[in-house]
C-alpha cells in the first residue's frame, strides 16, 4: 500500500506521464519511453510531485491548477 511503481512505456501524443492508483492503494506511474532520458527524469519528478501533493483528478481541483503546483515544487 502506498508503494510507487514506475514503468517506461510509449504514450500517445505529447503525454509525458500519467498516474493510476490501483486497488491496493499503490501508485502506478507510466513515463513516456519516447522521450529523452533527461526529459523522462523530469517527468518522473513531476509525477512524484503530483503524488506528494495528493493530486487526484476526481477532486474538485482544476487540472491546470494541479499542473502549476507540480511544476513549482
Protein backbone atom coordinates (compact mmCIF):
# COMPACT_ATOMS: atom_id res chain seq x y z
CA UNK A 1 0.00 0.00 0.00
CA UNK A 2 1.25 3.46 -0.96
CA UNK A 3 4.10 1.98 -2.98
CA UNK A 4 5.10 3.66 -6.24
CA UNK A 5 5.90 1.62 -9.34
CA UNK A 6 7.40 3.24 -12.45
CA UNK A 7 7.06 1.90 -15.99
CA UNK A 8 8.57 3.32 -19.13
CA UNK A 9 6.12 2.81 -22.00
CA UNK A 10 5.29 4.60 -25.24
CA UNK A 11 2.47 7.05 -24.54
CA UNK A 12 0.30 8.71 -27.18
CA UNK A 13 0.61 12.29 -28.31
CA UNK A 14 2.53 14.71 -26.15
CA UNK A 15 1.86 12.89 -22.86
CA UNK A 16 4.94 12.84 -20.64
CA UNK A 17 3.47 10.65 -17.91
CA UNK A 18 0.40 9.58 -16.02
CA UNK A 19 -0.52 8.01 -12.69
CA UNK A 20 -3.02 5.30 -11.83
CA UNK A 21 -3.98 4.37 -8.28
CA UNK A 22 -4.56 0.62 -8.16
CA UNK A 23 -6.95 -1.36 -5.98
CA UNK A 24 -4.23 -1.93 -3.35
CA UNK A 25 -3.62 1.80 -2.91
CA UNK A 26 -0.34 1.68 -4.82
CA UNK A 27 0.64 4.24 -7.44
CA UNK A 28 1.43 3.04 -10.96
CA UNK A 29 3.36 5.72 -12.86
CA UNK A 30 3.79 5.49 -16.61
CA UNK A 31 6.52 7.60 -18.22
CA UNK A 32 6.69 8.11 -21.98
CA UNK A 33 9.57 6.00 -23.31
CA UNK A 34 9.66 8.12 -26.48
CA UNK A 35 11.22 10.98 -24.50
CA UNK A 36 14.93 11.51 -23.95
CA UNK A 37 16.36 10.17 -20.67
CA UNK A 38 16.66 13.73 -19.36
CA UNK A 39 13.02 14.55 -20.09
CA UNK A 40 11.90 11.20 -18.66
CA UNK A 41 13.67 12.05 -15.39
CA UNK A 42 11.91 15.43 -15.28
CA UNK A 43 8.59 13.67 -15.97
CA UNK A 44 9.22 11.22 -13.09
CA UNK A 45 9.90 14.12 -10.71
CA UNK A 46 6.78 15.92 -11.95
CA UNK A 47 4.57 12.86 -11.42
CA UNK A 48 6.07 12.35 -7.94
CA UNK A 49 5.09 15.91 -7.07
CA UNK A 50 1.51 15.08 -8.02
CA UNK A 51 1.62 12.13 -5.61
CA UNK A 52 3.24 14.16 -2.81
CA UNK A 53 0.70 16.95 -3.35
CA UNK A 54 -2.15 14.42 -3.19
CA UNK A 55 -3.45 15.45 -6.59
CA UNK A 56 -6.25 13.24 -7.76
CA UNK A 57 -8.27 14.41 -10.70
CA UNK A 58 -11.51 13.23 -9.12
CA UNK A 59 -11.23 16.15 -6.72
CA UNK A 60 -12.78 19.49 -7.47
CA UNK A 61 -9.41 20.99 -8.40
CA UNK A 62 -8.78 22.09 -11.95
CA UNK A 63 -6.15 20.10 -13.80
CA UNK A 64 -4.35 23.33 -14.74
CA UNK A 65 -4.02 24.21 -11.04
CA UNK A 66 -2.58 20.77 -10.24
CA UNK A 67 -0.10 21.08 -13.10
CA UNK A 68 1.07 24.51 -11.94
CA UNK A 69 1.53 23.25 -8.38
CA UNK A 70 3.50 20.18 -9.53
CA UNK A 71 5.75 22.34 -11.71
CA UNK A 72 6.54 24.76 -8.86
CA UNK A 73 7.83 22.17 -6.43
